[in-house]
């Protein structure tokens, strides 16, 4: 009986993953507002009824995709900085981790910042949106903590972390859209340069 249940769970997980892969493709092509359960089902090779047996609506599918993306982001950030010998080294490692994750996973950037629908979390419940935002900040919190360990108070650390995130996202968008080529620059190198300058500036404040 246990083996049968395990096989059924594996089958359910496989079907769910296939549905999510199909939904990701549909969201990228049509956006959330343009997508439909029927189109997601067609892409996945299932009936709409089969999709509804796993998800209540397309917003729930989007939330599941984003939640999975944020878990992978947090895993990448958690793994970074194991050999950091100082708060400054840890700051650089953690910031480089979240930036690097989105640099090599541009579709996760689209999901994470609602770019598939014009940067507005339409259709998500406020509770789900708050949960997803909190999970995103979990990946950014280590940078805040590193800055506090460097001597900043809570307000200054939050301000600097916000600026760091805004700078990184701006570079990622330039890279993702190809606009960075207008300047003949490399987004990763520019972000690394910003981090070095930030660490030097914070060191002077101590």
C-alpha atoms as a PDB file:
ATOM      1  CA  UNK A   1       0.000   0.000   0.000  1.00  0.00           C
ATOM      2  CA  UNK A   2       2.797   2.420   0.888  1.00  0.00           C
ATOM      3  CA  UNK A   3       4.581   1.740  -2.406  1.00  0.00           C
ATOM      4  CA  UNK A   4       1.349   2.423  -4.276  1.00  0.00           C
ATOM      5  CA  UNK A   5       0.878   5.726  -2.458  1.00  0.00           C
ATOM      6  CA  UNK A   6       4.451   6.723  -3.239  1.00  0.00           C
ATOM      7  CA  UNK A   7       3.936   5.951  -6.930  1.00  0.00           C
ATOM      8  CA  UNK A   8       0.726   7.980  -6.951  1.00  0.00           C
ATOM      9  CA  UNK A   9       2.451  10.908  -5.242  1.00  0.00           C
ATOM     10  CA  UNK A  10       5.292  10.774  -7.754  1.00  0.00           C
ATOM     11  CA  UNK A  11       2.753  10.773 -10.590  1.00  0.00           C
ATOM     12  CA  UNK A  12       0.904  13.729  -9.079  1.00  0.00           C
ATOM     13  CA  UNK A  13       4.157  15.638  -8.633  1.00  0.00           C
ATOM     14  CA  UNK A  14       5.119  14.928 -12.236  1.00  0.00           C
ATOM     15  CA  UNK A  15       1.760  16.144 -13.533  1.00  0.00           C
ATOM     16  CA  UNK A  16       1.931  19.275 -11.405  1.00  0.00           C
ATOM     17  CA  UNK A  17       5.439  20.049 -12.649  1.00  0.00           C
ATOM     18  CA  UNK A  18       4.301  19.603 -16.251  1.00  0.00           C
ATOM     19  CA  UNK A  19       1.392  21.973 -15.666  1.00  0.00           C
ATOM     20  CA  UNK A  20       3.692  24.571 -14.123  1.00  0.00           C
ATOM     21  CA  UNK A  21       6.122  24.317 -17.040  1.00  0.00           C
ATOM     22  CA  UNK A  22       3.246  24.833 -19.455  1.00  0.00           C
ATOM     23  CA  UNK A  23       1.937  27.775 -17.442  1.00  0.00           C
ATOM     24  CA  UNK A  24       5.356  29.425 -17.395  1.00  0.00           C
ATOM     25  CA  UNK A  25       5.452  29.250 -21.185  1.00  0.00           C
ATOM     26  CA  UNK A  26       1.938  30.656 -21.505  1.00  0.00           C
ATOM     27  CA  UNK A  27       2.595  33.478 -19.027  1.00  0.00           C
ATOM     28  CA  UNK A  28       5.761  34.460 -20.876  1.00  0.00           C
ATOM     29  CA  UNK A  29       3.872  34.542 -24.162  1.00  0.00           C
ATOM     30  CA  UNK A  30       0.538  36.051 -23.125  1.00  0.00           C
ATOM     31  CA  UNK A  31       1.039  37.559 -19.674  1.00  0.00           C
ATOM     32  CA  UNK A  32      -1.162  36.664 -16.742  1.00  0.00           C
ATOM     33  CA  UNK A  33      -4.138  38.681 -17.941  1.00  0.00           C
ATOM     34  CA  UNK A  34      -3.972  37.168 -21.418  1.00  0.00           C
ATOM     35  CA  UNK A  35      -3.465  33.628 -20.167  1.00  0.00           C
ATOM     36  CA  UNK A  36      -6.294  31.223 -19.444  1.00  0.00           C
ATOM     37  CA  UNK A  37      -6.686  27.844 -17.810  1.00  0.00           C
ATOM     38  CA  UNK A  38      -7.811  26.510 -21.182  1.00  0.00           C
ATOM     39  CA  UNK A  39      -4.604  27.676 -22.875  1.00  0.00           C
ATOM     40  CA  UNK A  40      -2.440  26.326 -20.055  1.00  0.00           C
ATOM     41  CA  UNK A  41      -4.249  22.991 -20.314  1.00  0.00           C
ATOM     42  CA  UNK A  42      -3.731  22.900 -24.079  1.00  0.00           C
ATOM     43  CA  UNK A  43      -0.026  23.628 -23.654  1.00  0.00           C
ATOM     44  CA  UNK A  44       0.312  20.913 -20.998  1.00  0.00           C
ATOM     45  CA  UNK A  45      -1.723  18.338 -22.906  1.00  0.00           C
ATOM     46  CA  UNK A  46      -4.422  18.096 -20.249  1.00  0.00           C
ATOM     47  CA  UNK A  47      -8.058  19.096 -19.980  1.00  0.00           C
ATOM     48  CA  UNK A  48      -9.006  22.280 -18.099  1.00  0.00           C
ATOM     49  CA  UNK A  49     -10.676  20.053 -15.518  1.00  0.00           C
ATOM     50  CA  UNK A  50      -7.379  18.313 -14.849  1.00  0.00           C
ATOM     51  CA  UNK A  51      -5.712  21.677 -14.220  1.00  0.00           C
ATOM     52  CA  UNK A  52      -8.463  22.672 -11.786  1.00  0.00           C
ATOM     53  CA  UNK A  53      -7.871  19.491  -9.807  1.00  0.00           C
ATOM     54  CA  UNK A  54      -4.445  20.917  -8.911  1.00  0.00           C
ATOM     55  CA  UNK A  55      -4.991  24.698  -8.933  1.00  0.00           C
ATOM     56  CA  UNK A  56      -8.005  26.879  -8.156  1.00  0.00           C
ATOM     57  CA  UNK A  57      -7.216  29.461 -10.840  1.00  0.00           C
ATOM     58  CA  UNK A  58      -4.421  30.858 -12.990  1.00  0.00           C
ATOM     59  CA  UNK A  59      -3.337  33.231 -10.220  1.00  0.00           C
ATOM     60  CA  UNK A  60      -2.722  30.229  -7.974  1.00  0.00           C
ATOM     61  CA  UNK A  61      -0.554  28.752 -10.722  1.00  0.00           C
ATOM     62  CA  UNK A  62       1.382  31.995 -11.017  1.00  0.00           C
ATOM     63  CA  UNK A  63       1.838  32.101  -7.253  1.00  0.00           C
ATOM     64  CA  UNK A  64       3.152  28.526  -7.264  1.00  0.00           C
ATOM     65  CA  UNK A  65       5.633  29.357 -10.023  1.00  0.00           C
ATOM     66  CA  UNK A  66       6.881  32.441  -8.225  1.00  0.00           C
ATOM     67  CA  UNK A  67       7.083  30.634  -4.885  1.00  0.00           C
ATOM     68  CA  UNK A  68       9.215  27.903  -6.465  1.00  0.00           C
ATOM     69  CA  UNK A  69      11.440  30.532  -8.064  1.00  0.00           C
ATOM     70  CA  UNK A  70      11.906  32.332  -4.749  1.00  0.00           C
ATOM     71  CA  UNK A  71      12.846  29.084  -3.024  1.00  0.00           C
ATOM     72  CA  UNK A  72      15.612  28.540  -5.572  1.00  0.00           C
ATOM     73  CA  UNK A  73      16.729  32.142  -5.096  1.00  0.00           C
ATOM     74  CA  UNK A  74      16.934  31.689  -1.332  1.00  0.00           C
ATOM     75  CA  UNK A  75      18.833  28.434  -1.752  1.00  0.00           C
ATOM     76  CA  UNK A  76      21.423  30.237  -3.873  1.00  0.00           C
ATOM     77  CA  UNK A  77      21.777  33.065  -1.353  1.00  0.00           C
ATOM     78  CA  UNK A  78      21.939  30.691   1.629  1.00  0.00           C
ATOM     79  CA  UNK A  79      24.791  28.779  -0.006  1.00  0.00           C
ATOM     80  CA  UNK A  80      26.850  31.909  -0.645  1.00  0.00           C
ATOM     81  CA  UNK A  81      29.441  33.303   1.709  1.00  0.00           C
ATOM     82  CA  UNK A  82      30.303  30.137   3.613  1.00  0.00           C
ATOM     83  CA  UNK A  83      33.975  31.108   3.578  1.00  0.00           C
ATOM     84  CA  UNK A  84      33.467  34.832   4.175  1.00  0.00           C
ATOM     85  CA  UNK A  85      35.971  36.104   6.713  1.00  0.00           C
ATOM     86  CA  UNK A  86      34.304  39.447   7.442  1.00  0.00           C
ATOM     87  CA  UNK A  87      30.910  41.168   7.213  1.00  0.00           C
ATOM     88  CA  UNK A  88      32.171  43.028   4.140  1.00  0.00           C
ATOM     89  CA  UNK A  89      33.044  39.757   2.417  1.00  0.00           C
ATOM     90  CA  UNK A  90      29.671  38.338   3.416  1.00  0.00           C
ATOM     91  CA  UNK A  91      27.861  41.369   1.997  1.00  0.00           C
ATOM     92  CA  UNK A  92      29.608  40.964  -1.333  1.00  0.00           C
ATOM     93  CA  UNK A  93      28.938  37.226  -1.430  1.00  0.00           C
ATOM     94  CA  UNK A  94      25.242  37.485  -0.584  1.00  0.00           C
ATOM     95  CA  UNK A  95      24.568  40.388  -2.941  1.00  0.00           C
ATOM     96  CA  UNK A  96      26.457  38.685  -5.755  1.00  0.00           C
ATOM     97  CA  UNK A  97      24.384  35.552  -5.149  1.00  0.00           C
ATOM     98  CA  UNK A  98      20.973  37.152  -5.675  1.00  0.00           C
ATOM     99  CA  UNK A  99      22.251  39.235  -8.567  1.00  0.00           C
ATOM    100  CA  UNK A 100      23.866  36.204 -10.168  1.00  0.00           C
ATOM    101  CA  UNK A 101      20.722  34.127  -9.754  1.00  0.00           C
ATOM    102  CA  UNK A 102      18.636  36.603 -11.727  1.00  0.00           C
ATOM    103  CA  UNK A 103      21.423  37.249 -14.230  1.00  0.00           C
ATOM    104  CA  UNK A 104      21.458  33.607 -15.319  1.00  0.00           C
ATOM    105  CA  UNK A 105      17.706  33.081 -14.838  1.00  0.00           C
ATOM    106  CA  UNK A 106      16.060  36.025 -16.626  1.00  0.00           C
ATOM    107  CA  UNK A 107      12.657  34.303 -16.714  1.00  0.00           C
ATOM    108  CA  UNK A 108      12.726  34.212 -12.935  1.00  0.00           C
ATOM    109  CA  UNK A 109      13.361  37.942 -13.038  1.00  0.00           C
ATOM    110  CA  UNK A 110      10.210  38.311 -15.131  1.00  0.00           C
ATOM    111  CA  UNK A 111       8.225  36.279 -12.630  1.00  0.00           C
ATOM    112  CA  UNK A 112       9.733  37.918  -9.580  1.00  0.00           C
ATOM    113  CA  UNK A 113       8.958  41.432 -10.705  1.00  0.00           C
ATOM    114  CA  UNK A 114       5.690  40.760 -12.529  1.00  0.00           C
ATOM    115  CA  UNK A 115       7.257  41.780 -15.837  1.00  0.00           C
ATOM    116  CA  UNK A 116       4.976  39.363 -17.654  1.00  0.00           C
ATOM    117  CA  UNK A 117       2.134  41.764 -16.908  1.00  0.00           C
ATOM    118  CA  UNK A 118       3.596  45.219 -16.673  1.00  0.00           C
ATOM    119  CA  UNK A 119       5.112  45.072 -13.179  1.00  0.00           C
ATOM    120  CA  UNK A 120       1.760  44.989 -11.389  1.00  0.00           C
ATOM    121  CA  UNK A 121       0.680  42.026  -9.212  1.00  0.00           C
ATOM    122  CA  UNK A 122      -2.788  41.902 -10.762  1.00  0.00           C
ATOM    123  CA  UNK A 123      -4.903  38.940  -9.781  1.00  0.00           C
ATOM    124  CA  UNK A 124      -2.869  37.941  -6.738  1.00  0.00           C
ATOM    125  CA  UNK A 125      -4.581  38.179  -3.387  1.00  0.00           C
ATOM    126  CA  UNK A 126      -3.002  40.669  -1.015  1.00  0.00           C
ATOM    127  CA  UNK A 127      -2.177  37.807   1.352  1.00  0.00           C
ATOM    128  CA  UNK A 128      -0.357  35.816  -1.329  1.00  0.00           C
ATOM    129  CA  UNK A 129       1.408  38.914  -2.601  1.00  0.00           C
ATOM    130  CA  UNK A 130       2.596  39.697   0.942  1.00  0.00           C
ATOM    131  CA  UNK A 131       3.846  36.129   1.393  1.00  0.00           C
ATOM    132  CA  UNK A 132       5.799  36.233  -1.858  1.00  0.00           C
ATOM    133  CA  UNK A 133       7.263  39.652  -1.075  1.00  0.00           C
ATOM    134  CA  UNK A 134       8.334  38.386   2.340  1.00  0.00           C
ATOM    135  CA  UNK A 135      10.092  35.426   0.745  1.00  0.00           C
ATOM    136  CA  UNK A 136      11.877  37.751  -1.666  1.00  0.00           C
ATOM    137  CA  UNK A 137      13.079  39.857   1.238  1.00  0.00           C
ATOM    138  CA  UNK A 138      14.346  36.717   2.947  1.00  0.00           C
ATOM    139  CA  UNK A 139      16.920  36.566   0.148  1.00  0.00           C
ATOM    140  CA  UNK A 140      17.857  40.218   0.682  1.00  0.00           C
ATOM    141  CA  UNK A 141      17.947  40.187   4.480  1.00  0.00           C
ATOM    142  CA  UNK A 142      21.499  38.751   4.725  1.00  0.00           C
ATOM    143  CA  UNK A 143      22.811  41.902   3.026  1.00  0.00           C
ATOM    144  CA  UNK A 144      20.989  44.032   5.577  1.00  0.00           C
ATOM    145  CA  UNK A 145      22.436  41.944   8.392  1.00  0.00           C
ATOM    146  CA  UNK A 146      25.946  42.194   6.970  1.00  0.00           C
ATOM    147  CA  UNK A 147      25.656  45.979   6.788  1.00  0.00           C
ATOM    148  CA  UNK A 148      24.556  46.120  10.408  1.00  0.00           C
ATOM    149  CA  UNK A 149      27.535  43.972  11.323  1.00  0.00           C
ATOM    150  CA  UNK A 150      29.669  46.582   9.556  1.00  0.00           C
ATOM    151  CA  UNK A 151      28.354  49.209  11.956  1.00  0.00           C
ATOM    152  CA  UNK A 152      25.252  50.673  10.305  1.00  0.00           C
ATOM    153  CA  UNK A 153      22.113  51.197  12.330  1.00  0.00           C
ATOM    154  CA  UNK A 154      18.842  49.619  11.202  1.00  0.00           C
ATOM    155  CA  UNK A 155      17.609  52.670   9.288  1.00  0.00           C
ATOM    156  CA  UNK A 156      20.847  53.207   7.374  1.00  0.00           C
ATOM    157  CA  UNK A 157      21.185  49.493   6.624  1.00  0.00           C
ATOM    158  CA  UNK A 158      17.675  49.399   5.191  1.00  0.00           C
ATOM    159  CA  UNK A 159      18.362  52.476   3.084  1.00  0.00           C
ATOM    160  CA  UNK A 160      21.608  51.079   1.709  1.00  0.00           C
ATOM    161  CA  UNK A 161      20.090  47.658   1.072  1.00  0.00           C
ATOM    162  CA  UNK A 162      17.210  49.247  -0.820  1.00  0.00           C
ATOM    163  CA  UNK A 163      19.650  51.241  -2.948  1.00  0.00           C
ATOM    164  CA  UNK A 164      21.732  48.116  -3.565  1.00  0.00           C
ATOM    165  CA  UNK A 165      18.692  46.167  -4.679  1.00  0.00           C
ATOM    166  CA  UNK A 166      17.423  48.976  -6.891  1.00  0.00           C
ATOM    167  CA  UNK A 167      20.836  49.331  -8.522  1.00  0.00           C
ATOM    168  CA  UNK A 168      21.097  45.610  -9.150  1.00  0.00           C
ATOM    169  CA  UNK A 169      17.593  45.286 -10.578  1.00  0.00           C
ATOM    170  CA  UNK A 170      18.216  48.230 -12.878  1.00  0.00           C
ATOM    171  CA  UNK A 171      21.329  46.558 -14.251  1.00  0.00           C
ATOM    172  CA  UNK A 172      19.497  43.255 -14.622  1.00  0.00           C
ATOM    173  CA  UNK A 173      16.738  44.932 -16.615  1.00  0.00           C
ATOM    174  CA  UNK A 174      19.296  46.594 -18.874  1.00  0.00           C
ATOM    175  CA  UNK A 175      20.956  43.233 -19.414  1.00  0.00           C
ATOM    176  CA  UNK A 176      17.684  41.354 -19.867  1.00  0.00           C
ATOM    177  CA  UNK A 177      16.391  43.804 -22.484  1.00  0.00           C
ATOM    178  CA  UNK A 178      19.743  44.148 -24.234  1.00  0.00           C
ATOM    179  CA  UNK A 179      19.839  47.894 -23.561  1.00  0.00           C
ATOM    180  CA  UNK A 180      23.162  47.487 -21.751  1.00  0.00           C
ATOM    181  CA  UNK A 181      24.762  47.183 -25.190  1.00  0.00           C
ATOM    182  CA  UNK A 182      23.975  50.839 -25.831  1.00  0.00           C
ATOM    183  CA  UNK A 183      26.671  51.674 -23.308  1.00  0.00           C
ATOM    184  CA  UNK A 184      29.105  48.915 -24.199  1.00  0.00           C
ATOM    185  CA  UNK A 185      29.087  47.748 -20.593  1.00  0.00           C
ATOM    186  CA  UNK A 186      28.749  44.473 -18.713  1.00  0.00           C
ATOM    187  CA  UNK A 187      26.056  44.340 -16.030  1.00  0.00           C
ATOM    188  CA  UNK A 188      27.903  41.858 -13.825  1.00  0.00           C
ATOM    189  CA  UNK A 189      31.093  43.922 -13.835  1.00  0.00           C
ATOM    190  CA  UNK A 190      29.159  47.098 -13.095  1.00  0.00           C
ATOM    191  CA  UNK A 191      27.402  45.453 -10.165  1.00  0.00           C
ATOM    192  CA  UNK A 192      30.699  44.148  -8.795  1.00  0.00           C
ATOM    193  CA  UNK A 193      32.143  47.653  -9.083  1.00  0.00           C
ATOM    194  CA  UNK A 194      29.149  49.097  -7.225  1.00  0.00           C
ATOM    195  CA  UNK A 195      29.605  46.537  -4.457  1.00  0.00           C
ATOM    196  CA  UNK A 196      33.284  47.394  -4.058  1.00  0.00           C
ATOM    197  CA  UNK A 197      32.436  51.080  -3.828  1.00  0.00           C
ATOM    198  CA  UNK A 198      29.664  50.364  -1.333  1.00  0.00           C
ATOM    199  CA  UNK A 199      31.961  48.356   0.929  1.00  0.00           C
ATOM    200  CA  UNK A 200      34.601  51.085   0.803  1.00  0.00           C
ATOM    201  CA  UNK A 201      32.035  53.766   1.573  1.00  0.00           C
ATOM    202  CA  UNK A 202      30.543  51.828   4.474  1.00  0.00           C
ATOM    203  CA  UNK A 203      34.020  51.184   5.827  1.00  0.00           C
ATOM    204  CA  UNK A 204      34.645  54.929   5.933  1.00  0.00           C
ATOM    205  CA  UNK A 205      31.502  55.428   8.034  1.00  0.00           C
ATOM    206  CA  UNK A 206      32.736  53.199  10.836  1.00  0.00           C
END
